[in-house]
Every structure is written in structure tokens, then in C-alpha cells.
Amino acid sequence: SSILKDRKMHMLASLHFNARGGVVFVSSAVLTLIQAGLAILAQADLNVKNWKVHQYNITVSIAFLAAFSVFWQSLVKNWNFNGRASLHDSAAAALGKLYKSSELNRRREKALKNIRTTGGAASAKQSQAQVKKTSEEMSQSDDSVEEEKAEELDPTTPLASSEDPNTPGGGKPDDDDMNTDSGEENKEFMDSTLFDQLVKQYEQALEGCNSFIPSRIVSAFELLDNQIGVCKRKIDTGLDTGHKVRVEWEKVYPTLYRELYATIITQKGWPLRVPDPHTV
């Protein structure tokens, strides 16, 4: 959920800075057009009373506009709205791939746990079908690196049975215990390695964007987290219903983040103006 939260914030920041960059570009173009029109007018020889005086005034206006244009271009370069929008857009894309990869791995772990818990053939087939469906949905936008990780973590690989005579050490309890312990150790090592890789990719995605997210956007998501935290504590302690309620928070957080994102982009004045976090 933290990955999705950061992705949504970077997406909002990218939209905001892109809109401001467009306004700055249009303003610069209009300013240049006015200067060009005044320069053409100053070179004309019109049969107008006191035209020399008007020409002088136009020339002075062009000089002032030229000075203001230099100052404006300095501000535009300092703001660098388009460059910042590109940084946030790249960060959002990287976080999106990372979120899909982590979600795929989470679902695979859930399917593996279901297979180990039930041990039934029907449950195993159902879990395998669920994993296959999830892989097909997410593999469309995942790159080749994520596909290699998915293959390494494929839970559909048949587990070795101690009753199979073709299996080395089959029928020997001691060897089975050793194989089980070794398998658990390999799984823990693989999970730890995968987690470290996800954390590293997450840090790289954030470090690659050196542009700050507007404070109002950050505040809106922090307020949402605080409100969810209050509700979570009440539900966990059973203050509302008198007994504890099982809530799948891993599904609640992404839904609320998407709702907040949709609410912000529909506010009046967006994307040029970021709405007040207390009103969204």
C-alpha cells in the first residue's frame, strides 16, 4: 500500500507540474508574439499625426518587454515545471511496475500457503488456476525482469513426495525431515532476497526523483492515513462492535488511495490549483 500511495502522489504531482508548465509556455509564446508585433509596428512609416512620438513610445515598450522577457525566462528556468513533471512521471512508472510485481508475489505466496495448508488436489488445482489468472493479468505490463522473477517463484512446481519410490530417500523419515527443513530454509532465504530486491528498487525509484511533491498533496494522503489509523485501532480493539472484526487492510488501503486520487483530480481548479487537503 505504501508503494501505491507514493505512486498516486507522484502521478498527481506530474499532472500539476505539467499543467503549470503548459501555462508558462503559453505565456512565453504570447510575450514573444507581442514583442514581434510591436517591432514590426515600430518599423512602419504610417501617416499619423505625431508618428515619431508614437514610434519612440513603441521602441521604449519593446525595450521594457525585452527586459521583462529575460527576467521571465530566468523564472521559467528556475521553476522547470516540465522537467519536474518528467521526474515525477518516471517515478510513478517505476513504482507502478514495482507495485504490480509485489502484488503478484503476494498472491503467489497466498496460493502457496493455501496449497500447504489444505494439501488437497482440488485446492491445489484452484490455487494454480488463481495464480495462472493473476500472472496473465499482470504479465501484460511487466517487463522481462519481472517475468523471470515470476518463473523463479512459480508455485505450480510439484512438491516432492516422500512416498514416491523414485524420490531419493523416499520412505525415510529422517531424510524427509531434512528435506523439509532444507526447503523451509530455502524458502525463507528466497523470501528475504526478494524482499531486499523490492526494497532496493523502491528506494531507487524514490531517489531518482529529486523534485518535491506539493505539500497539499502529501497532507491529503497523510490525513487519510491518520483517519484510517483511528478506525483501525477502534476495530482492532473492538470498541465499536464489542468484538474484534477481521478486516483485510491490504485491500482497504489501495481502494481508499484510488478514491482520494479520483477525488483530487475532480476538484475545481485542478490541475493548476491543488485543493485544500481538508476539503477532499
C-alpha atoms as a PDB file:
ATOM      1  CA  SER A   1       0.000   0.000   0.000  1.00  0.00           C
ATOM      2  CA  SER A   2       2.909   2.362   0.638  1.00  0.00           C
ATOM      3  CA  ILE A   3       4.129   1.801  -2.923  1.00  0.00           C
ATOM      4  CA  LEU A   4       0.690   2.592  -4.334  1.00  0.00           C
ATOM      5  CA  LYS A   5       0.413   5.677  -2.117  1.00  0.00           C
ATOM      6  CA  ASP A   6       3.721   7.090  -3.360  1.00  0.00           C
ATOM      7  CA  ARG A   7       2.764   6.262  -6.941  1.00  0.00           C
ATOM      8  CA  LYS A   8      -0.518   8.154  -6.685  1.00  0.00           C
ATOM      9  CA  MET A   9       1.224  11.174  -5.156  1.00  0.00           C
ATOM     10  CA  HIS A  10       3.821  11.238  -7.933  1.00  0.00           C
ATOM     11  CA  MET A  11       1.086  10.930 -10.551  1.00  0.00           C
ATOM     12  CA  LEU A  12      -0.741  13.923  -9.062  1.00  0.00           C
ATOM     13  CA  ALA A  13       2.477  15.930  -8.894  1.00  0.00           C
ATOM     14  CA  SER A  14       3.213  15.126 -12.531  1.00  0.00           C
ATOM     15  CA  LEU A  15      -0.232  16.327 -13.634  1.00  0.00           C
ATOM     16  CA  HIS A  16       0.100  19.500 -11.571  1.00  0.00           C
ATOM     17  CA  PHE A  17       3.537  20.468 -12.866  1.00  0.00           C
ATOM     18  CA  ASN A  18       2.608  19.571 -16.444  1.00  0.00           C
ATOM     19  CA  ALA A  19      -0.348  21.960 -16.298  1.00  0.00           C
ATOM     20  CA  ARG A  20       1.773  24.756 -14.880  1.00  0.00           C
ATOM     21  CA  GLY A  21       4.436  24.125 -17.468  1.00  0.00           C
ATOM     22  CA  GLY A  22       1.823  24.492 -20.187  1.00  0.00           C
ATOM     23  CA  VAL A  23       0.645  27.827 -18.799  1.00  0.00           C
ATOM     24  CA  VAL A  24       4.224  29.098 -18.604  1.00  0.00           C
ATOM     25  CA  PHE A  25       4.872  28.020 -22.186  1.00  0.00           C
ATOM     26  CA  VAL A  26       1.759  29.793 -23.482  1.00  0.00           C
ATOM     27  CA  SER A  27       2.675  32.952 -21.530  1.00  0.00           C
ATOM     28  CA  SER A  28       6.175  32.972 -23.010  1.00  0.00           C
ATOM     29  CA  ALA A  29       4.798  32.478 -26.515  1.00  0.00           C
ATOM     30  CA  VAL A  30       2.301  35.341 -26.118  1.00  0.00           C
ATOM     31  CA  LEU A  31       5.016  37.636 -24.769  1.00  0.00           C
ATOM     32  CA  THR A  32       7.255  36.860 -27.732  1.00  0.00           C
ATOM     33  CA  LEU A  33       4.380  37.444 -30.155  1.00  0.00           C
ATOM     34  CA  ILE A  34       3.641  40.877 -28.640  1.00  0.00           C
ATOM     35  CA  GLN A  35       7.292  41.868 -28.921  1.00  0.00           C
ATOM     36  CA  ALA A  36       7.378  40.814 -32.578  1.00  0.00           C
ATOM     37  CA  GLY A  37       4.192  42.758 -33.357  1.00  0.00           C
ATOM     38  CA  LEU A  38       5.498  45.921 -31.706  1.00  0.00           C
ATOM     39  CA  ALA A  39       8.820  45.608 -33.533  1.00  0.00           C
ATOM     40  CA  ILE A  40       7.039  45.399 -36.886  1.00  0.00           C
ATOM     41  CA  LEU A  41       4.850  48.360 -35.977  1.00  0.00           C
ATOM     42  CA  ALA A  42       7.845  50.447 -34.932  1.00  0.00           C
ATOM     43  CA  GLN A  43       9.467  49.957 -38.346  1.00  0.00           C
ATOM     44  CA  ALA A  44       6.387  51.062 -40.223  1.00  0.00           C
ATOM     45  CA  ASP A  45       6.027  54.607 -41.602  1.00  0.00           C
ATOM     46  CA  LEU A  46       2.400  55.468 -41.016  1.00  0.00           C
ATOM     47  CA  ASN A  47       0.789  58.740 -41.980  1.00  0.00           C
ATOM     48  CA  VAL A  48      -0.320  59.524 -38.438  1.00  0.00           C
ATOM     49  CA  LYS A  49      -0.043  62.739 -36.511  1.00  0.00           C
ATOM     50  CA  ASN A  50       2.967  62.754 -34.174  1.00  0.00           C
ATOM     51  CA  TRP A  51       4.031  59.316 -35.506  1.00  0.00           C
ATOM     52  CA  LYS A  52       7.610  59.909 -34.419  1.00  0.00           C
ATOM     53  CA  VAL A  53       6.452  60.242 -30.833  1.00  0.00           C
ATOM     54  CA  HIS A  54       4.446  57.037 -31.128  1.00  0.00           C
ATOM     55  CA  GLN A  55       7.433  55.254 -32.620  1.00  0.00           C
ATOM     56  CA  TYR A  56       9.552  56.339 -29.684  1.00  0.00           C
ATOM     57  CA  ASN A  57       6.967  55.078 -27.208  1.00  0.00           C
ATOM     58  CA  ILE A  58       6.726  51.745 -29.045  1.00  0.00           C
ATOM     59  CA  THR A  59      10.515  51.384 -29.034  1.00  0.00           C
ATOM     60  CA  VAL A  60      10.624  52.041 -25.290  1.00  0.00           C
ATOM     61  CA  SER A  61       7.845  49.488 -24.753  1.00  0.00           C
ATOM     62  CA  ILE A  62       9.803  46.901 -26.734  1.00  0.00           C
ATOM     63  CA  ALA A  63      12.849  47.540 -24.556  1.00  0.00           C
ATOM     64  CA  PHE A  64      10.817  47.063 -21.367  1.00  0.00           C
ATOM     65  CA  LEU A  65       9.247  43.872 -22.751  1.00  0.00           C
ATOM     66  CA  ALA A  66      12.677  42.546 -23.698  1.00  0.00           C
ATOM     67  CA  ALA A  67      13.948  43.156 -20.168  1.00  0.00           C
ATOM     68  CA  PHE A  68      10.861  41.510 -18.678  1.00  0.00           C
ATOM     69  CA  SER A  69      11.254  38.581 -21.085  1.00  0.00           C
ATOM     70  CA  VAL A  70      14.789  37.943 -19.813  1.00  0.00           C
ATOM     71  CA  PHE A  71      13.508  38.037 -16.224  1.00  0.00           C
ATOM     72  CA  TRP A  72      10.600  35.741 -17.115  1.00  0.00           C
ATOM     73  CA  GLN A  73      12.850  33.204 -18.811  1.00  0.00           C
ATOM     74  CA  SER A  74      15.021  33.130 -15.694  1.00  0.00           C
ATOM     75  CA  LEU A  75      11.949  32.305 -13.593  1.00  0.00           C
ATOM     76  CA  VAL A  76      10.866  29.633 -16.066  1.00  0.00           C
ATOM     77  CA  LYS A  77      14.287  28.024 -15.924  1.00  0.00           C
ATOM     78  CA  ASN A  78      14.243  28.099 -12.142  1.00  0.00           C
ATOM     79  CA  TRP A  79      10.741  26.617 -11.907  1.00  0.00           C
ATOM     80  CA  ASN A  80      11.476  23.933 -14.524  1.00  0.00           C
ATOM     81  CA  PHE A  81       7.905  22.634 -14.382  1.00  0.00           C
ATOM     82  CA  ASN A  82       8.248  20.353 -17.402  1.00  0.00           C
ATOM     83  CA  GLY A  83      11.458  18.783 -16.097  1.00  0.00           C
ATOM     84  CA  ARG A  84       9.938  18.177 -12.679  1.00  0.00           C
ATOM     85  CA  ALA A  85       6.837  16.683 -14.264  1.00  0.00           C
ATOM     86  CA  SER A  86       9.030  14.239 -16.188  1.00  0.00           C
ATOM     87  CA  LEU A  87      10.810  13.192 -12.984  1.00  0.00           C
ATOM     88  CA  HIS A  88       7.525  12.512 -11.194  1.00  0.00           C
ATOM     89  CA  ASP A  89       6.181  10.678 -14.223  1.00  0.00           C
ATOM     90  CA  SER A  90       9.242   8.410 -14.323  1.00  0.00           C
ATOM     91  CA  ALA A  91       8.981   7.744 -10.581  1.00  0.00           C
ATOM     92  CA  ALA A  92       5.282   6.894 -10.928  1.00  0.00           C
ATOM     93  CA  ALA A  93       6.029   4.476 -13.775  1.00  0.00           C
ATOM     94  CA  ALA A  94       8.785   2.740 -11.786  1.00  0.00           C
ATOM     95  CA  LEU A  95       6.577   2.479  -8.704  1.00  0.00           C
ATOM     96  CA  GLY A  96       3.747   1.121 -10.834  1.00  0.00           C
ATOM     97  CA  LYS A  97       5.906  -1.751 -12.088  1.00  0.00           C
ATOM     98  CA  LEU A  98       7.166  -2.390  -8.573  1.00  0.00           C
ATOM     99  CA  TYR A  99       3.620  -2.460  -7.181  1.00  0.00           C
ATOM    100  CA  LYS A 100       2.469  -4.970  -9.784  1.00  0.00           C
ATOM    101  CA  SER A 101       5.488  -7.156  -9.080  1.00  0.00           C
ATOM    102  CA  SER A 102       4.935  -7.080  -5.314  1.00  0.00           C
ATOM    103  CA  GLU A 103       1.211  -7.748  -5.752  1.00  0.00           C
ATOM    104  CA  LEU A 104       1.953 -10.738  -7.968  1.00  0.00           C
ATOM    105  CA  ASN A 105       4.412 -12.136  -5.414  1.00  0.00           C
ATOM    106  CA  ARG A 106       1.918 -11.581  -2.584  1.00  0.00           C
ATOM    107  CA  ARG A 107      -0.763 -13.509  -4.424  1.00  0.00           C
ATOM    108  CA  ARG A 108       1.666 -16.300  -5.200  1.00  0.00           C
ATOM    109  CA  GLU A 109       2.619 -16.553  -1.544  1.00  0.00           C
ATOM    110  CA  LYS A 110      -1.069 -16.713  -0.636  1.00  0.00           C
ATOM    111  CA  ALA A 111      -1.603 -19.509  -3.155  1.00  0.00           C
ATOM    112  CA  LEU A 112       1.420 -21.414  -1.824  1.00  0.00           C
ATOM    113  CA  LYS A 113       0.126 -21.091   1.725  1.00  0.00           C
ATOM    114  CA  ASN A 114      -3.262 -22.387   0.633  1.00  0.00           C
ATOM    115  CA  ILE A 115      -1.656 -25.398  -1.030  1.00  0.00           C
ATOM    116  CA  ARG A 116       0.446 -26.229   2.049  1.00  0.00           C
ATOM    117  CA  THR A 117      -2.489 -25.769   4.427  1.00  0.00           C
ATOM    118  CA  THR A 118      -5.125 -27.841   2.651  1.00  0.00           C
ATOM    119  CA  GLY A 119      -2.943 -30.309   0.788  1.00  0.00           C
ATOM    120  CA  GLY A 120      -5.942 -31.401  -1.283  1.00  0.00           C
ATOM    121  CA  ALA A 121      -5.807 -31.905  -5.004  1.00  0.00           C
ATOM    122  CA  ALA A 122      -8.883 -29.774  -5.636  1.00  0.00           C
ATOM    123  CA  SER A 123      -7.483 -26.907  -3.602  1.00  0.00           C
ATOM    124  CA  ALA A 124      -4.142 -27.180  -5.366  1.00  0.00           C
ATOM    125  CA  LYS A 125      -5.812 -27.000  -8.769  1.00  0.00           C
ATOM    126  CA  GLN A 126      -7.871 -23.996  -7.676  1.00  0.00           C
ATOM    127  CA  SER A 127      -4.792 -22.230  -6.353  1.00  0.00           C
ATOM    128  CA  GLN A 128      -2.851 -22.988  -9.514  1.00  0.00           C
ATOM    129  CA  ALA A 129      -5.685 -21.606 -11.622  1.00  0.00           C
ATOM    130  CA  GLN A 130      -5.777 -18.465  -9.489  1.00  0.00           C
ATOM    131  CA  VAL A 131      -2.017 -17.986  -9.841  1.00  0.00           C
ATOM    132  CA  LYS A 132      -2.209 -18.541 -13.599  1.00  0.00           C
ATOM    133  CA  LYS A 133      -5.002 -15.981 -13.927  1.00  0.00           C
ATOM    134  CA  THR A 134      -3.093 -13.439 -11.835  1.00  0.00           C
ATOM    135  CA  SER A 135       0.064 -13.982 -13.862  1.00  0.00           C
ATOM    136  CA  GLU A 136      -1.771 -13.447 -17.139  1.00  0.00           C
ATOM    137  CA  GLU A 137      -3.346 -10.209 -15.864  1.00  0.00           C
ATOM    138  CA  MET A 138      -0.109  -8.676 -14.635  1.00  0.00           C
ATOM    139  CA  SER A 139       2.319 -10.038 -17.232  1.00  0.00           C
ATOM    140  CA  GLN A 140       0.876  -7.733 -19.887  1.00  0.00           C
ATOM    141  CA  SER A 141       2.566  -4.676 -18.368  1.00  0.00           C
ATOM    142  CA  ASP A 142       5.514  -6.309 -16.594  1.00  0.00           C
ATOM    143  CA  ASP A 143       8.976  -6.283 -18.201  1.00  0.00           C
ATOM    144  CA  SER A 144      11.195  -9.288 -18.825  1.00  0.00           C
ATOM    145  CA  VAL A 145      12.945  -8.973 -15.472  1.00  0.00           C
ATOM    146  CA  GLU A 146       9.675  -9.323 -13.595  1.00  0.00           C
ATOM    147  CA  GLU A 147       8.732 -12.323 -15.732  1.00  0.00           C
ATOM    148  CA  GLU A 148      11.984 -14.058 -14.771  1.00  0.00           C
ATOM    149  CA  LYS A 149      11.220 -13.410 -11.112  1.00  0.00           C
ATOM    150  CA  ALA A 150       7.729 -14.836 -11.581  1.00  0.00           C
ATOM    151  CA  GLU A 151       9.123 -18.003 -13.118  1.00  0.00           C
ATOM    152  CA  GLU A 152      11.537 -18.445 -10.220  1.00  0.00           C
ATOM    153  CA  LEU A 153       8.661 -18.090  -7.757  1.00  0.00           C
ATOM    154  CA  ASP A 154       6.220 -20.359  -9.689  1.00  0.00           C
ATOM    155  CA  PRO A 155       4.226 -22.264  -7.070  1.00  0.00           C
ATOM    156  CA  THR A 156       2.863 -24.754  -9.603  1.00  0.00           C
ATOM    157  CA  THR A 157       6.077 -26.780  -9.473  1.00  0.00           C
ATOM    158  CA  PRO A 158       5.097 -30.177  -7.998  1.00  0.00           C
ATOM    159  CA  LEU A 159       6.348 -30.852  -4.491  1.00  0.00           C
ATOM    160  CA  ALA A 160       8.471 -33.929  -3.882  1.00  0.00           C
ATOM    161  CA  SER A 161       6.634 -36.681  -2.071  1.00  0.00           C
ATOM    162  CA  SER A 162       8.318 -38.845   0.494  1.00  0.00           C
ATOM    163  CA  GLU A 163       6.140 -41.793  -0.562  1.00  0.00           C
ATOM    164  CA  ASP A 164       7.369 -41.763  -4.146  1.00  0.00           C
ATOM    165  CA  PRO A 165       9.879 -44.628  -4.605  1.00  0.00           C
ATOM    166  CA  ASN A 166      11.636 -42.694  -7.358  1.00  0.00           C
ATOM    167  CA  THR A 167      12.386 -39.851  -4.984  1.00  0.00           C
ATOM    168  CA  PRO A 168      15.834 -40.122  -3.367  1.00  0.00           C
ATOM    169  CA  GLY A 169      15.449 -41.063   0.270  1.00  0.00           C
ATOM    170  CA  GLY A 170      11.750 -41.854  -0.133  1.00  0.00           C
ATOM    171  CA  GLY A 171      10.177 -43.588   2.828  1.00  0.00           C
ATOM    172  CA  LYS A 172      12.894 -42.491   5.235  1.00  0.00           C
ATOM    173  CA  PRO A 173      11.562 -40.156   7.943  1.00  0.00           C
ATOM    174  CA  ASP A 174      14.968 -38.703   8.712  1.00  0.00           C
ATOM    175  CA  ASP A 175      15.604 -37.738   5.101  1.00  0.00           C
ATOM    176  CA  ASP A 176      12.098 -36.287   4.806  1.00  0.00           C
ATOM    177  CA  ASP A 177      12.672 -34.111   7.848  1.00  0.00           C
ATOM    178  CA  MET A 178      15.978 -32.961   6.451  1.00  0.00           C
ATOM    179  CA  ASN A 179      14.399 -32.160   3.065  1.00  0.00           C
ATOM    180  CA  THR A 180      11.546 -30.303   4.739  1.00  0.00           C
ATOM    181  CA  ASP A 181      13.911 -28.241   6.856  1.00  0.00           C
ATOM    182  CA  SER A 182      16.063 -27.528   3.818  1.00  0.00           C
ATOM    183  CA  GLY A 183      13.018 -26.482   1.814  1.00  0.00           C
ATOM    184  CA  GLU A 184      11.852 -24.135   4.560  1.00  0.00           C
ATOM    185  CA  GLU A 185      15.301 -22.604   4.798  1.00  0.00           C
ATOM    186  CA  ASN A 186      15.467 -22.120   1.035  1.00  0.00           C
ATOM    187  CA  LYS A 187      12.013 -20.524   1.060  1.00  0.00           C
ATOM    188  CA  GLU A 188      12.965 -18.129   3.854  1.00  0.00           C
ATOM    189  CA  PHE A 189      16.173 -17.234   2.041  1.00  0.00           C
ATOM    190  CA  MET A 190      14.287 -16.680  -1.214  1.00  0.00           C
ATOM    191  CA  ASP A 191      11.643 -14.513   0.518  1.00  0.00           C
ATOM    192  CA  SER A 192      14.348 -12.478   2.223  1.00  0.00           C
ATOM    193  CA  THR A 193      16.220 -11.975  -1.048  1.00  0.00           C
ATOM    194  CA  LEU A 194      13.042 -10.968  -2.866  1.00  0.00           C
ATOM    195  CA  PHE A 195      12.118  -8.525  -0.110  1.00  0.00           C
ATOM    196  CA  ASP A 196      15.567  -6.955  -0.244  1.00  0.00           C
ATOM    197  CA  GLN A 197      15.274  -6.584  -4.002  1.00  0.00           C
ATOM    198  CA  LEU A 198      11.867  -4.899  -3.703  1.00  0.00           C
ATOM    199  CA  VAL A 199      13.161  -2.513  -1.044  1.00  0.00           C
ATOM    200  CA  LYS A 200      16.171  -1.642  -3.189  1.00  0.00           C
ATOM    201  CA  GLN A 201      14.006  -0.986  -6.236  1.00  0.00           C
ATOM    202  CA  TYR A 202      11.627   1.100  -4.110  1.00  0.00           C
ATOM    203  CA  GLU A 203      14.466   3.255  -2.799  1.00  0.00           C
ATOM    204  CA  GLN A 204      15.924   3.676  -6.286  1.00  0.00           C
ATOM    205  CA  ALA A 205      12.553   4.821  -7.644  1.00  0.00           C
ATOM    206  CA  LEU A 206      12.240   7.482  -4.939  1.00  0.00           C
ATOM    207  CA  GLU A 207      15.865   8.605  -5.109  1.00  0.00           C
ATOM    208  CA  GLY A 208      15.607   9.059  -8.872  1.00  0.00           C
ATOM    209  CA  CYS A 209      13.127  11.917  -8.365  1.00  0.00           C
ATOM    210  CA  ASN A 210      14.753  14.960  -6.749  1.00  0.00           C
ATOM    211  CA  SER A 211      11.636  17.115  -7.151  1.00  0.00           C
ATOM    212  CA  PHE A 212       9.405  17.554  -4.125  1.00  0.00           C
ATOM    213  CA  ILE A 213       5.711  16.693  -4.145  1.00  0.00           C
ATOM    214  CA  PRO A 214       3.401  19.675  -3.403  1.00  0.00           C
ATOM    215  CA  SER A 215       2.719  19.840   0.320  1.00  0.00           C
ATOM    216  CA  ARG A 216      -1.057  19.860  -0.117  1.00  0.00           C
ATOM    217  CA  ILE A 217      -0.946  16.533  -1.935  1.00  0.00           C
ATOM    218  CA  VAL A 218       1.232  14.987   0.765  1.00  0.00           C
ATOM    219  CA  SER A 219      -1.011  16.393   3.502  1.00  0.00           C
ATOM    220  CA  ALA A 220      -4.137  14.921   1.877  1.00  0.00           C
ATOM    221  CA  PHE A 221      -2.672  11.411   1.907  1.00  0.00           C
ATOM    222  CA  GLU A 222      -1.330  11.823   5.446  1.00  0.00           C
ATOM    223  CA  LEU A 223      -4.742  12.909   6.692  1.00  0.00           C
ATOM    224  CA  LEU A 224      -6.261   9.840   5.055  1.00  0.00           C
ATOM    225  CA  ASP A 225      -3.678   7.605   6.752  1.00  0.00           C
ATOM    226  CA  ASN A 226      -4.451   9.202  10.113  1.00  0.00           C
ATOM    227  CA  GLN A 227      -8.182   8.653   9.690  1.00  0.00           C
ATOM    228  CA  ILE A 228      -7.647   5.043   8.658  1.00  0.00           C
ATOM    229  CA  GLY A 229      -5.331   4.541  11.643  1.00  0.00           C
ATOM    230  CA  VAL A 230      -8.007   5.755  14.056  1.00  0.00           C
ATOM    231  CA  CYS A 231     -10.622   3.449  12.532  1.00  0.00           C
ATOM    232  CA  LYS A 232      -8.143   0.580  12.525  1.00  0.00           C
ATOM    233  CA  ARG A 233      -7.387   0.948  16.234  1.00  0.00           C
ATOM    234  CA  LYS A 234     -11.085   1.080  17.062  1.00  0.00           C
ATOM    235  CA  ILE A 235     -11.824  -2.033  15.038  1.00  0.00           C
ATOM    236  CA  ASP A 236      -8.812  -3.958  16.365  1.00  0.00           C
ATOM    237  CA  THR A 237      -9.723  -3.217  19.982  1.00  0.00           C
ATOM    238  CA  GLY A 238     -13.422  -3.930  19.423  1.00  0.00           C
ATOM    239  CA  LEU A 239     -14.648  -0.550  20.701  1.00  0.00           C
ATOM    240  CA  ASP A 240     -17.412  -0.259  18.110  1.00  0.00           C
ATOM    241  CA  THR A 241     -18.916  -3.747  17.970  1.00  0.00           C
ATOM    242  CA  GLY A 242     -17.777  -5.300  21.232  1.00  0.00           C
ATOM    243  CA  HIS A 243     -15.696  -7.922  19.437  1.00  0.00           C
ATOM    244  CA  LYS A 244     -12.796  -7.924  17.042  1.00  0.00           C
ATOM    245  CA  VAL A 245     -13.514  -7.787  13.325  1.00  0.00           C
ATOM    246  CA  ARG A 246     -11.271  -9.299  10.674  1.00  0.00           C
ATOM    247  CA  VAL A 247     -10.531  -6.592   8.094  1.00  0.00           C
ATOM    248  CA  GLU A 248      -8.291  -7.109   5.077  1.00  0.00           C
ATOM    249  CA  TRP A 249      -6.411  -3.822   5.295  1.00  0.00           C
ATOM    250  CA  GLU A 250      -4.198  -4.762   2.345  1.00  0.00           C
ATOM    251  CA  LYS A 251      -7.337  -4.295   0.215  1.00  0.00           C
ATOM    252  CA  VAL A 252      -8.760  -1.303   2.076  1.00  0.00           C
ATOM    253  CA  TYR A 253      -5.710   0.947   1.719  1.00  0.00           C
ATOM    254  CA  PRO A 254      -5.357   0.653  -2.095  1.00  0.00           C
ATOM    255  CA  THR A 255      -9.072   1.304  -2.569  1.00  0.00           C
ATOM    256  CA  LEU A 256      -9.019   4.440  -0.431  1.00  0.00           C
ATOM    257  CA  TYR A 257      -5.860   5.740  -2.134  1.00  0.00           C
ATOM    258  CA  ARG A 258      -7.522   5.369  -5.518  1.00  0.00           C
ATOM    259  CA  GLU A 259     -10.651   7.110  -4.231  1.00  0.00           C
ATOM    260  CA  LEU A 260      -8.585  10.017  -2.915  1.00  0.00           C
ATOM    261  CA  TYR A 261      -6.754  10.287  -6.237  1.00  0.00           C
ATOM    262  CA  ALA A 262     -10.056  10.405  -8.128  1.00  0.00           C
ATOM    263  CA  THR A 263     -11.443  12.987  -5.698  1.00  0.00           C
ATOM    264  CA  ILE A 264      -8.470  15.328  -6.077  1.00  0.00           C
ATOM    265  CA  ILE A 265      -8.443  15.315  -9.886  1.00  0.00           C
ATOM    266  CA  THR A 266     -12.147  16.226  -9.955  1.00  0.00           C
ATOM    267  CA  GLN A 267     -11.762  19.284  -7.718  1.00  0.00           C
ATOM    268  CA  LYS A 268     -12.396  22.757  -9.108  1.00  0.00           C
ATOM    269  CA  GLY A 269      -9.240  24.424 -10.390  1.00  0.00           C
ATOM    270  CA  TRP A 270      -7.258  21.200 -10.740  1.00  0.00           C
ATOM    271  CA  PRO A 271      -4.575  20.685 -12.036  1.00  0.00           C
ATOM    272  CA  LEU A 272      -3.395  24.299 -11.896  1.00  0.00           C
ATOM    273  CA  ARG A 273      -4.503  24.601  -8.295  1.00  0.00           C
ATOM    274  CA  VAL A 274      -4.038  21.887  -5.676  1.00  0.00           C
ATOM    275  CA  PRO A 275      -7.156  21.683  -3.464  1.00  0.00           C
ATOM    276  CA  ASP A 276      -7.156  22.110   0.281  1.00  0.00           C
ATOM    277  CA  PRO A 277      -6.489  18.692   1.881  1.00  0.00           C
ATOM    278  CA  HIS A 278      -9.262  19.308   4.442  1.00  0.00           C
ATOM    279  CA  THR A 279     -11.889  19.665   1.693  1.00  0.00           C
ATOM    280  CA  VAL A 280     -11.159  16.482  -0.265  1.00  0.00           C
END
